[in-house]
Amino acid sequence: MGFGFNLGMIFIIFPAIVILFILYVATKKQYFGKAILGIIVCIAVLIMLAFTICVLVSKKELKKHDYYGSYVVDRSYFPGKQANWQYDHYRFEIKENDSIYFYSTDKQKIKKIYRGRITTVKPTNSERLIFKMNKPVHHIVKENPTTYRGAWDFYLVLHSDKFGNMFFKKGAWKQIDSQ
């Protein structure tokens, strides 16, 4: 818990419990004992609630192995024709041997593969992804991605000189349903 919680416990809650305990021993009245029990139960509930909220909203801490997998364009950020086209033409895969394969595709057909290696750096609690692509380098993977973390997942943003920011999420490529 934080400094304020500790300060409150030392200067407010513990003295209140001690005073209530002294009154309970001196008077033998049940409501002093119930008040002590109520305070302790309230504190326990507050601690459990704070812990639960912290677990639910804290950002995922990524390790190198979290990056392994297949990535596709996330069409939900800027839905429409351009996102659908990007989804059908670009995807990549990071394998457990630290290889990256960036695919230039025509829907399910792979037209060209750009290969490279990945490493990670750990400037904070979460590791960041670094691309080391072989020449020639495709314009989408010439810079390192930016990782945005949520409580349960993450997505990568790759900058392209032609398309601007492209949002990639983990997942398998699937044919887009025609409307």
N, C-alpha and C. Protein backbone atom coordinates (compact mmCIF):
# COMPACT_ATOMS: atom_id res chain seq x y z
N MET A 1 0.84 -1.18 0.00
CA MET A 1 0.00 0.00 0.00
C MET A 1 0.88 1.24 0.00
N GLY A 2 0.28 2.36 -0.19
CA GLY A 2 1.02 3.61 -0.30
C GLY A 2 1.31 4.26 1.04
N PHE A 3 2.00 5.37 0.94
CA PHE A 3 2.42 6.11 2.13
C PHE A 3 1.22 6.59 2.94
N GLY A 4 0.20 7.12 2.27
CA GLY A 4 -0.99 7.63 2.97
C GLY A 4 -1.72 6.54 3.73
N PHE A 5 -1.82 5.37 3.13
CA PHE A 5 -2.47 4.24 3.80
C PHE A 5 -1.69 3.87 5.06
N ASN A 6 -0.38 3.77 4.94
CA ASN A 6 0.45 3.42 6.10
C ASN A 6 0.35 4.47 7.20
N LEU A 7 0.35 5.74 6.81
CA LEU A 7 0.22 6.82 7.78
C LEU A 7 -1.12 6.76 8.51
N GLY A 8 -2.18 6.50 7.76
CA GLY A 8 -3.51 6.36 8.36
C GLY A 8 -3.60 5.19 9.30
N MET A 9 -2.95 4.09 8.93
CA MET A 9 -2.96 2.91 9.80
C MET A 9 -2.26 3.20 11.13
N ILE A 10 -1.11 3.86 11.05
CA ILE A 10 -0.31 4.11 12.26
C ILE A 10 -0.97 5.13 13.18
N PHE A 11 -1.47 6.23 12.61
CA PHE A 11 -1.94 7.34 13.45
C PHE A 11 -3.45 7.38 13.66
N ILE A 12 -4.22 6.60 12.91
CA ILE A 12 -5.68 6.65 13.08
C ILE A 12 -6.24 5.28 13.44
N ILE A 13 -6.01 4.29 12.59
CA ILE A 13 -6.66 2.99 12.76
C ILE A 13 -6.13 2.24 13.99
N PHE A 14 -4.81 2.08 14.11
CA PHE A 14 -4.27 1.35 15.26
C PHE A 14 -4.63 2.02 16.59
N PRO A 15 -4.50 3.35 16.73
CA PRO A 15 -4.93 3.97 17.99
C PRO A 15 -6.42 3.77 18.27
N ALA A 16 -7.24 3.81 17.19
CA ALA A 16 -8.67 3.59 17.39
C ALA A 16 -8.94 2.17 17.88
N ILE A 17 -8.24 1.19 17.30
CA ILE A 17 -8.42 -0.20 17.73
C ILE A 17 -7.95 -0.37 19.17
N VAL A 18 -6.82 0.24 19.54
CA VAL A 18 -6.32 0.14 20.92
C VAL A 18 -7.32 0.76 21.90
N ILE A 19 -7.84 1.93 21.57
CA ILE A 19 -8.83 2.59 22.45
C ILE A 19 -10.09 1.72 22.58
N LEU A 20 -10.58 1.20 21.45
CA LEU A 20 -11.76 0.33 21.49
C LEU A 20 -11.49 -0.94 22.31
N PHE A 21 -10.30 -1.49 22.19
CA PHE A 21 -9.95 -2.68 22.95
C PHE A 21 -9.92 -2.39 24.45
N ILE A 22 -9.33 -1.25 24.82
CA ILE A 22 -9.30 -0.85 26.24
C ILE A 22 -10.72 -0.67 26.77
N LEU A 23 -11.58 0.00 25.97
CA LEU A 23 -12.98 0.18 26.39
C LEU A 23 -13.71 -1.15 26.49
N TYR A 24 -13.41 -2.07 25.57
CA TYR A 24 -14.05 -3.39 25.62
C TYR A 24 -13.64 -4.16 26.89
N VAL A 25 -12.34 -4.13 27.21
CA VAL A 25 -11.85 -4.83 28.41
C VAL A 25 -12.42 -4.17 29.67
N ALA A 26 -12.48 -2.84 29.68
CA ALA A 26 -12.94 -2.12 30.88
C ALA A 26 -14.44 -2.28 31.09
N THR A 27 -15.24 -2.24 30.00
CA THR A 27 -16.70 -2.24 30.16
C THR A 27 -17.35 -3.58 29.84
N LYS A 28 -16.67 -4.46 29.14
CA LYS A 28 -17.20 -5.76 28.71
C LYS A 28 -18.45 -5.61 27.83
N LYS A 29 -18.57 -4.50 27.13
CA LYS A 29 -19.72 -4.28 26.25
C LYS A 29 -19.37 -4.82 24.85
N GLN A 30 -20.32 -5.57 24.30
CA GLN A 30 -20.13 -6.27 23.03
C GLN A 30 -19.87 -5.33 21.85
N TYR A 31 -20.49 -4.18 21.83
CA TYR A 31 -20.38 -3.32 20.64
C TYR A 31 -18.97 -2.79 20.43
N PHE A 32 -18.14 -2.72 21.49
CA PHE A 32 -16.73 -2.33 21.29
C PHE A 32 -15.98 -3.45 20.54
N GLY A 33 -16.26 -4.70 20.90
CA GLY A 33 -15.66 -5.83 20.20
C GLY A 33 -16.12 -5.90 18.75
N LYS A 34 -17.41 -5.64 18.54
CA LYS A 34 -17.95 -5.64 17.17
C LYS A 34 -17.34 -4.50 16.34
N ALA A 35 -17.10 -3.35 16.98
CA ALA A 35 -16.48 -2.22 16.27
C ALA A 35 -15.06 -2.58 15.84
N ILE A 36 -14.31 -3.24 16.73
CA ILE A 36 -12.94 -3.67 16.40
C ILE A 36 -12.99 -4.64 15.21
N LEU A 37 -13.87 -5.62 15.30
CA LEU A 37 -14.01 -6.60 14.22
C LEU A 37 -14.42 -5.91 12.91
N GLY A 38 -15.35 -4.96 12.99
CA GLY A 38 -15.79 -4.23 11.80
C GLY A 38 -14.65 -3.46 11.14
N ILE A 39 -13.82 -2.80 11.95
CA ILE A 39 -12.68 -2.05 11.42
C ILE A 39 -11.70 -2.99 10.71
N ILE A 40 -11.40 -4.12 11.35
CA ILE A 40 -10.46 -5.07 10.76
C ILE A 40 -11.01 -5.66 9.46
N VAL A 41 -12.30 -5.99 9.45
CA VAL A 41 -12.91 -6.53 8.22
C VAL A 41 -12.89 -5.48 7.12
N CYS A 42 -13.22 -4.24 7.43
CA CYS A 42 -13.20 -3.16 6.43
C CYS A 42 -11.80 -2.97 5.84
N ILE A 43 -10.80 -2.99 6.68
CA ILE A 43 -9.42 -2.84 6.20
C ILE A 43 -9.04 -4.01 5.30
N ALA A 44 -9.40 -5.23 5.69
CA ALA A 44 -9.09 -6.42 4.88
C ALA A 44 -9.79 -6.33 3.52
N VAL A 45 -11.04 -5.91 3.52
CA VAL A 45 -11.78 -5.77 2.25
C VAL A 45 -11.14 -4.69 1.38
N LEU A 46 -10.75 -3.57 1.97
CA LEU A 46 -10.10 -2.50 1.20
C LEU A 46 -8.79 -2.97 0.59
N ILE A 47 -8.01 -3.73 1.35
CA ILE A 47 -6.73 -4.24 0.83
C ILE A 47 -6.98 -5.21 -0.32
N MET A 48 -7.93 -6.12 -0.17
CA MET A 48 -8.24 -7.07 -1.25
C MET A 48 -8.78 -6.35 -2.49
N LEU A 49 -9.62 -5.35 -2.28
CA LEU A 49 -10.17 -4.59 -3.40
C LEU A 49 -9.06 -3.83 -4.13
N ALA A 50 -8.17 -3.20 -3.38
CA ALA A 50 -7.06 -2.47 -4.00
C ALA A 50 -6.16 -3.41 -4.79
N PHE A 51 -5.87 -4.58 -4.24
CA PHE A 51 -5.04 -5.56 -4.94
C PHE A 51 -5.72 -6.04 -6.22
N THR A 52 -7.01 -6.32 -6.16
CA THR A 52 -7.76 -6.78 -7.33
C THR A 52 -7.78 -5.71 -8.41
N ILE A 53 -8.04 -4.48 -8.05
CA ILE A 53 -8.05 -3.38 -9.03
C ILE A 53 -6.69 -3.22 -9.66
N CYS A 54 -5.64 -3.31 -8.86
CA CYS A 54 -4.27 -3.19 -9.38
C CYS A 54 -3.98 -4.28 -10.40
N VAL A 55 -4.38 -5.50 -10.11
CA VAL A 55 -4.15 -6.61 -11.03
C VAL A 55 -4.94 -6.41 -12.33
N LEU A 56 -6.16 -5.92 -12.22
CA LEU A 56 -7.03 -5.78 -13.39
C LEU A 56 -6.63 -4.65 -14.32
N VAL A 57 -6.06 -3.57 -13.79
CA VAL A 57 -5.78 -2.41 -14.64
C VAL A 57 -4.30 -2.17 -14.91
N SER A 58 -3.41 -2.89 -14.26
CA SER A 58 -1.99 -2.67 -14.52
C SER A 58 -1.64 -3.20 -15.90
N LYS A 59 -0.69 -2.55 -16.55
CA LYS A 59 -0.30 -2.93 -17.90
C LYS A 59 0.51 -4.21 -17.89
N LYS A 60 0.32 -4.97 -18.93
CA LYS A 60 1.04 -6.24 -19.10
C LYS A 60 2.53 -5.97 -19.22
N GLU A 61 3.34 -6.70 -18.46
CA GLU A 61 4.79 -6.60 -18.57
C GLU A 61 5.26 -7.66 -19.55
N LEU A 62 5.84 -7.22 -20.65
CA LEU A 62 6.21 -8.11 -21.75
C LEU A 62 7.63 -8.65 -21.59
N LYS A 63 7.77 -9.91 -21.92
CA LYS A 63 9.07 -10.57 -22.03
C LYS A 63 9.26 -10.92 -23.50
N LYS A 64 10.47 -11.30 -23.85
CA LYS A 64 10.77 -11.62 -25.25
C LYS A 64 9.82 -12.68 -25.81
N HIS A 65 9.52 -13.70 -25.02
CA HIS A 65 8.67 -14.79 -25.51
C HIS A 65 7.24 -14.33 -25.80
N ASP A 66 6.80 -13.23 -25.21
CA ASP A 66 5.46 -12.71 -25.49
C ASP A 66 5.33 -12.21 -26.92
N TYR A 67 6.44 -11.82 -27.55
CA TYR A 67 6.40 -11.29 -28.90
C TYR A 67 6.32 -12.39 -29.97
N TYR A 68 6.63 -13.63 -29.61
CA TYR A 68 6.60 -14.70 -30.60
C TYR A 68 5.17 -14.92 -31.07
N GLY A 69 5.01 -15.08 -32.39
CA GLY A 69 3.69 -15.36 -32.94
C GLY A 69 3.48 -14.67 -34.27
N SER A 70 2.28 -14.77 -34.79
CA SER A 70 1.90 -14.16 -36.06
C SER A 70 1.16 -12.85 -35.81
N TYR A 71 1.40 -11.87 -36.69
CA TYR A 71 0.78 -10.56 -36.54
C TYR A 71 0.09 -10.17 -37.85
N VAL A 72 -1.07 -9.56 -37.69
CA VAL A 72 -1.84 -9.05 -38.83
C VAL A 72 -2.20 -7.60 -38.56
N VAL A 73 -2.56 -6.89 -39.61
CA VAL A 73 -2.99 -5.50 -39.46
C VAL A 73 -4.29 -5.48 -38.66
N ASP A 74 -4.33 -4.63 -37.65
CA ASP A 74 -5.54 -4.48 -36.83
C ASP A 74 -6.46 -3.49 -37.54
N ARG A 75 -7.50 -4.01 -38.14
CA ARG A 75 -8.41 -3.18 -38.94
C ARG A 75 -9.38 -2.37 -38.08
N SER A 76 -9.40 -2.59 -36.78
CA SER A 76 -10.37 -1.90 -35.92
C SER A 76 -9.97 -0.45 -35.62
N TYR A 77 -8.69 -0.10 -35.76
CA TYR A 77 -8.27 1.27 -35.44
C TYR A 77 -8.75 2.28 -36.46
N PHE A 78 -8.56 1.99 -37.72
CA PHE A 78 -9.03 2.86 -38.80
C PHE A 78 -9.73 1.98 -39.83
N PRO A 79 -10.94 1.52 -39.52
CA PRO A 79 -11.61 0.59 -40.42
C PRO A 79 -11.92 1.24 -41.77
N GLY A 80 -11.92 0.41 -42.78
CA GLY A 80 -12.27 0.89 -44.11
C GLY A 80 -11.43 0.22 -45.17
N LYS A 81 -11.52 0.80 -46.36
CA LYS A 81 -10.87 0.22 -47.53
C LYS A 81 -9.36 0.11 -47.38
N GLN A 82 -8.72 1.16 -46.87
CA GLN A 82 -7.26 1.16 -46.73
C GLN A 82 -6.79 0.10 -45.73
N ALA A 83 -7.46 0.00 -44.59
CA ALA A 83 -7.10 -1.00 -43.58
C ALA A 83 -7.30 -2.41 -44.13
N ASN A 84 -8.38 -2.63 -44.87
CA ASN A 84 -8.62 -3.93 -45.48
C ASN A 84 -7.53 -4.27 -46.48
N TRP A 85 -7.13 -3.29 -47.29
CA TRP A 85 -6.07 -3.51 -48.27
C TRP A 85 -4.76 -3.85 -47.57
N GLN A 86 -4.40 -3.10 -46.53
CA GLN A 86 -3.17 -3.38 -45.77
C GLN A 86 -3.24 -4.77 -45.14
N TYR A 87 -4.39 -5.12 -44.60
CA TYR A 87 -4.57 -6.44 -43.99
C TYR A 87 -4.30 -7.55 -45.00
N ASP A 88 -4.77 -7.38 -46.22
CA ASP A 88 -4.59 -8.38 -47.26
C ASP A 88 -3.19 -8.38 -47.86
N HIS A 89 -2.37 -7.34 -47.61
CA HIS A 89 -1.08 -7.24 -48.28
C HIS A 89 0.14 -7.29 -47.36
N TYR A 90 -0.05 -7.23 -46.03
CA TYR A 90 1.11 -7.24 -45.13
C TYR A 90 0.78 -8.01 -43.85
N ARG A 91 1.70 -8.82 -43.45
CA ARG A 91 1.66 -9.50 -42.15
C ARG A 91 3.06 -9.98 -41.83
N PHE A 92 3.29 -10.35 -40.59
CA PHE A 92 4.62 -10.85 -40.24
C PHE A 92 4.52 -11.88 -39.13
N GLU A 93 5.62 -12.56 -38.95
CA GLU A 93 5.70 -13.63 -37.99
C GLU A 93 7.05 -13.56 -37.27
N ILE A 94 7.02 -13.73 -35.95
CA ILE A 94 8.24 -13.79 -35.15
C ILE A 94 8.31 -15.19 -34.56
N LYS A 95 9.38 -15.88 -34.90
CA LYS A 95 9.54 -17.28 -34.47
C LYS A 95 10.39 -17.36 -33.21
N GLU A 96 10.34 -18.49 -32.55
CA GLU A 96 11.04 -18.69 -31.28
C GLU A 96 12.56 -18.71 -31.43
N ASN A 97 13.08 -18.83 -32.65
CA ASN A 97 14.52 -18.75 -32.85
C ASN A 97 14.95 -17.30 -33.11
N ASP A 98 14.08 -16.35 -32.77
CA ASP A 98 14.29 -14.90 -32.89
C ASP A 98 14.37 -14.43 -34.34
N SER A 99 13.79 -15.18 -35.26
CA SER A 99 13.71 -14.76 -36.65
C SER A 99 12.40 -14.03 -36.88
N ILE A 100 12.44 -13.03 -37.75
CA ILE A 100 11.23 -12.34 -38.17
C ILE A 100 11.09 -12.51 -39.67
N TYR A 101 9.88 -12.80 -40.08
CA TYR A 101 9.55 -12.94 -41.50
C TYR A 101 8.41 -11.96 -41.79
N PHE A 102 8.72 -10.94 -42.56
CA PHE A 102 7.72 -9.96 -42.96
C PHE A 102 7.23 -10.35 -44.35
N TYR A 103 5.94 -10.54 -44.48
CA TYR A 103 5.36 -11.03 -45.73
C TYR A 103 4.65 -9.93 -46.49
N SER A 104 5.02 -9.78 -47.76
CA SER A 104 4.26 -8.96 -48.70
C SER A 104 3.37 -9.95 -49.44
N THR A 105 2.06 -9.78 -49.34
CA THR A 105 1.14 -10.80 -49.80
C THR A 105 0.09 -10.24 -50.76
N ASP A 106 -0.60 -11.14 -51.38
CA ASP A 106 -1.83 -10.82 -52.11
C ASP A 106 -2.87 -11.76 -51.53
N LYS A 107 -3.52 -11.30 -50.49
CA LYS A 107 -4.43 -12.09 -49.67
C LYS A 107 -3.66 -13.28 -49.10
N GLN A 108 -4.05 -14.53 -49.39
CA GLN A 108 -3.35 -15.67 -48.78
C GLN A 108 -2.04 -16.00 -49.47
N LYS A 109 -1.80 -15.50 -50.67
CA LYS A 109 -0.59 -15.81 -51.44
C LYS A 109 0.57 -14.90 -51.01
N ILE A 110 1.69 -15.49 -50.60
CA ILE A 110 2.87 -14.72 -50.21
C ILE A 110 3.67 -14.38 -51.46
N LYS A 111 3.86 -13.06 -51.71
CA LYS A 111 4.60 -12.62 -52.89
C LYS A 111 6.09 -12.46 -52.61
N LYS A 112 6.44 -11.93 -51.43
CA LYS A 112 7.84 -11.71 -51.09
C LYS A 112 8.00 -11.80 -49.58
N ILE A 113 9.15 -12.34 -49.16
CA ILE A 113 9.46 -12.47 -47.73
C ILE A 113 10.70 -11.63 -47.43
N TYR A 114 10.59 -10.78 -46.41
CA TYR A 114 11.72 -10.00 -45.91
C TYR A 114 12.11 -10.62 -44.57
N ARG A 115 13.38 -11.00 -44.45
CA ARG A 115 13.84 -11.71 -43.26
C ARG A 115 14.68 -10.81 -42.37
N GLY A 116 14.74 -11.19 -41.11
CA GLY A 116 15.56 -10.46 -40.15
C GLY A 116 15.59 -11.19 -38.83
N ARG A 117 16.13 -10.52 -37.83
CA ARG A 117 16.23 -11.06 -36.48
C ARG A 117 15.61 -10.04 -35.52
N ILE A 118 15.22 -10.53 -34.37
CA ILE A 118 14.71 -9.63 -33.34
C ILE A 118 15.56 -9.77 -32.08
N THR A 119 15.61 -8.70 -31.33
CA THR A 119 16.15 -8.72 -29.98
C THR A 119 15.22 -7.86 -29.15
N THR A 120 15.47 -7.81 -27.88
CA THR A 120 14.69 -6.92 -27.02
C THR A 120 15.64 -6.15 -26.12
N VAL A 121 15.18 -5.00 -25.68
CA VAL A 121 15.87 -4.21 -24.66
C VAL A 121 14.89 -4.01 -23.52
N LYS A 122 15.41 -3.77 -22.34
CA LYS A 122 14.53 -3.63 -21.17
C LYS A 122 14.82 -2.30 -20.46
N PRO A 123 14.33 -1.17 -21.05
CA PRO A 123 14.55 0.12 -20.39
C PRO A 123 13.67 0.30 -19.14
N THR A 124 12.56 -0.44 -19.08
CA THR A 124 11.65 -0.37 -17.92
C THR A 124 11.33 -1.81 -17.52
N ASN A 125 10.20 -2.03 -16.87
CA ASN A 125 9.81 -3.38 -16.46
C ASN A 125 9.45 -4.26 -17.64
N SER A 126 9.07 -3.66 -18.76
CA SER A 126 8.64 -4.40 -19.93
C SER A 126 9.69 -4.32 -21.03
N GLU A 127 9.92 -5.45 -21.71
CA GLU A 127 10.91 -5.47 -22.78
C GLU A 127 10.33 -4.85 -24.05
N ARG A 128 11.21 -4.17 -24.81
CA ARG A 128 10.82 -3.54 -26.07
C ARG A 128 11.46 -4.29 -27.22
N LEU A 129 10.74 -4.35 -28.32
CA LEU A 129 11.15 -5.13 -29.48
C LEU A 129 12.06 -4.32 -30.40
N ILE A 130 13.14 -4.97 -30.88
CA ILE A 130 14.09 -4.35 -31.81
C ILE A 130 14.18 -5.24 -33.05
N PHE A 131 14.03 -4.62 -34.24
CA PHE A 131 14.17 -5.33 -35.51
C PHE A 131 15.58 -5.14 -36.05
N LYS A 132 16.15 -6.22 -36.56
CA LYS A 132 17.42 -6.15 -37.30
C LYS A 132 17.17 -6.88 -38.61
N MET A 133 16.70 -6.11 -39.61
CA MET A 133 16.27 -6.70 -40.87
C MET A 133 17.45 -6.82 -41.84
N ASN A 134 17.41 -7.89 -42.65
CA ASN A 134 18.40 -8.07 -43.72
C ASN A 134 18.06 -7.10 -44.86
N LYS A 135 19.07 -6.78 -45.68
CA LYS A 135 18.86 -5.92 -46.83
C LYS A 135 18.28 -6.75 -47.97
N PRO A 136 17.42 -6.27 -48.80
CA PRO A 136 16.75 -4.97 -48.74
C PRO A 136 15.68 -4.98 -47.64
N VAL A 137 15.42 -3.80 -47.10
CA VAL A 137 14.47 -3.65 -46.01
C VAL A 137 13.18 -3.04 -46.57
N HIS A 138 12.06 -3.62 -46.20
CA HIS A 138 10.77 -3.06 -46.60
C HIS A 138 10.50 -1.80 -45.78
N HIS A 139 9.81 -0.84 -46.38
CA HIS A 139 9.58 0.46 -45.70
C HIS A 139 8.79 0.33 -44.41
N ILE A 140 8.01 -0.72 -44.25
CA ILE A 140 7.22 -0.88 -43.02
C ILE A 140 8.08 -1.33 -41.84
N VAL A 141 9.11 -2.13 -42.10
CA VAL A 141 9.92 -2.69 -41.00
C VAL A 141 11.32 -2.09 -40.93
N LYS A 142 11.50 -0.91 -41.53
CA LYS A 142 12.84 -0.32 -41.46
C LYS A 142 13.10 0.35 -40.11
N GLU A 143 12.05 0.66 -39.36
CA GLU A 143 12.19 1.23 -38.01
C GLU A 143 11.65 0.24 -36.99
N ASN A 144 12.09 0.38 -35.75
CA ASN A 144 11.60 -0.48 -34.68
C ASN A 144 10.15 -0.14 -34.36
N PRO A 145 9.36 -1.13 -33.96
CA PRO A 145 7.96 -0.87 -33.64
C PRO A 145 7.82 -0.20 -32.27
N THR A 146 6.70 0.45 -32.09
CA THR A 146 6.32 0.97 -30.79
C THR A 146 5.31 0.00 -30.21
N THR A 147 5.51 -0.38 -28.97
CA THR A 147 4.61 -1.33 -28.32
C THR A 147 3.68 -0.58 -27.39
N TYR A 148 2.38 -0.84 -27.54
CA TYR A 148 1.38 -0.28 -26.64
C TYR A 148 0.76 -1.43 -25.87
N ARG A 149 0.83 -1.33 -24.54
CA ARG A 149 0.39 -2.41 -23.68
C ARG A 149 -0.93 -2.07 -23.02
N GLY A 150 -1.79 -3.07 -22.93
CA GLY A 150 -3.00 -2.99 -22.15
C GLY A 150 -2.87 -3.87 -20.93
N ALA A 151 -3.97 -4.09 -20.23
CA ALA A 151 -3.92 -4.94 -19.04
C ALA A 151 -3.72 -6.41 -19.42
N TRP A 152 -4.25 -6.83 -20.57
CA TRP A 152 -4.21 -8.24 -20.93
C TRP A 152 -3.48 -8.51 -22.24
N ASP A 153 -3.29 -7.50 -23.05
CA ASP A 153 -2.69 -7.73 -24.36
C ASP A 153 -1.85 -6.53 -24.77
N PHE A 154 -1.39 -6.54 -26.01
CA PHE A 154 -0.58 -5.45 -26.52
C PHE A 154 -0.74 -5.40 -28.04
N TYR A 155 -0.33 -4.30 -28.63
CA TYR A 155 -0.27 -4.22 -30.08
C TYR A 155 0.97 -3.43 -30.48
N LEU A 156 1.40 -3.64 -31.72
CA LEU A 156 2.60 -2.99 -32.24
C LEU A 156 2.21 -1.97 -33.29
N VAL A 157 2.89 -0.83 -33.27
CA VAL A 157 2.68 0.19 -34.28
C VAL A 157 3.98 0.33 -35.06
N LEU A 158 3.88 0.10 -36.36
CA LEU A 158 5.02 0.25 -37.27
C LEU A 158 4.78 1.46 -38.13
N HIS A 159 5.82 2.28 -38.29
CA HIS A 159 5.68 3.49 -39.10
C HIS A 159 6.15 3.22 -40.52
N SER A 160 5.32 3.61 -41.47
CA SER A 160 5.64 3.48 -42.88
C SER A 160 5.67 4.87 -43.51
N ASP A 161 6.68 5.13 -44.34
CA ASP A 161 6.73 6.41 -45.04
C ASP A 161 5.54 6.57 -46.00
N LYS A 162 5.03 5.48 -46.50
CA LYS A 162 3.92 5.52 -47.46
C LYS A 162 2.54 5.53 -46.80
N PHE A 163 2.39 4.78 -45.71
CA PHE A 163 1.07 4.61 -45.11
C PHE A 163 0.89 5.29 -43.75
N GLY A 164 1.94 5.84 -43.19
CA GLY A 164 1.85 6.38 -41.83
C GLY A 164 1.95 5.25 -40.82
N ASN A 165 1.26 5.37 -39.72
CA ASN A 165 1.31 4.34 -38.69
C ASN A 165 0.41 3.17 -39.06
N MET A 166 0.96 1.97 -38.90
CA MET A 166 0.19 0.75 -39.15
C MET A 166 0.12 -0.03 -37.84
N PHE A 167 -1.08 -0.46 -37.49
CA PHE A 167 -1.33 -1.12 -36.23
C PHE A 167 -1.40 -2.63 -36.46
N PHE A 168 -0.56 -3.38 -35.75
CA PHE A 168 -0.53 -4.83 -35.88
C PHE A 168 -0.88 -5.46 -34.54
N LYS A 169 -1.67 -6.54 -34.62
CA LYS A 169 -2.03 -7.30 -33.43
C LYS A 169 -1.70 -8.76 -33.68
N LYS A 170 -1.54 -9.52 -32.62
CA LYS A 170 -1.30 -10.94 -32.75
C LYS A 170 -2.56 -11.61 -33.30
N GLY A 171 -2.34 -12.53 -34.21
CA GLY A 171 -3.48 -13.27 -34.74
C GLY A 171 -3.15 -13.89 -36.07
N ALA A 172 -3.96 -14.84 -36.47
CA ALA A 172 -3.78 -15.51 -37.75
C ALA A 172 -4.56 -14.76 -38.82
N TRP A 173 -4.00 -14.74 -40.03
CA TRP A 173 -4.67 -14.09 -41.15
C TRP A 173 -5.87 -14.94 -41.56
N LYS A 174 -7.01 -14.27 -41.78
CA LYS A 174 -8.23 -14.93 -42.24
C LYS A 174 -8.80 -14.10 -43.38
N GLN A 175 -9.43 -14.76 -44.30
CA GLN A 175 -10.08 -14.08 -45.42
C GLN A 175 -11.11 -13.11 -44.89
N ILE A 176 -11.13 -11.88 -45.43
CA ILE A 176 -12.14 -10.89 -45.04
C ILE A 176 -13.46 -11.28 -45.67
N ASP A 177 -14.52 -11.27 -44.88
CA ASP A 177 -15.84 -11.58 -45.42
C ASP A 177 -16.28 -10.50 -46.38
N SER A 178 -16.71 -10.89 -47.56
CA SER A 178 -17.21 -9.93 -48.56
C SER A 178 -18.64 -9.57 -48.22
N GLN A 179 -18.94 -8.26 -48.28
CA GLN A 179 -20.30 -7.81 -48.00
C GLN A 179 -21.06 -7.66 -49.28
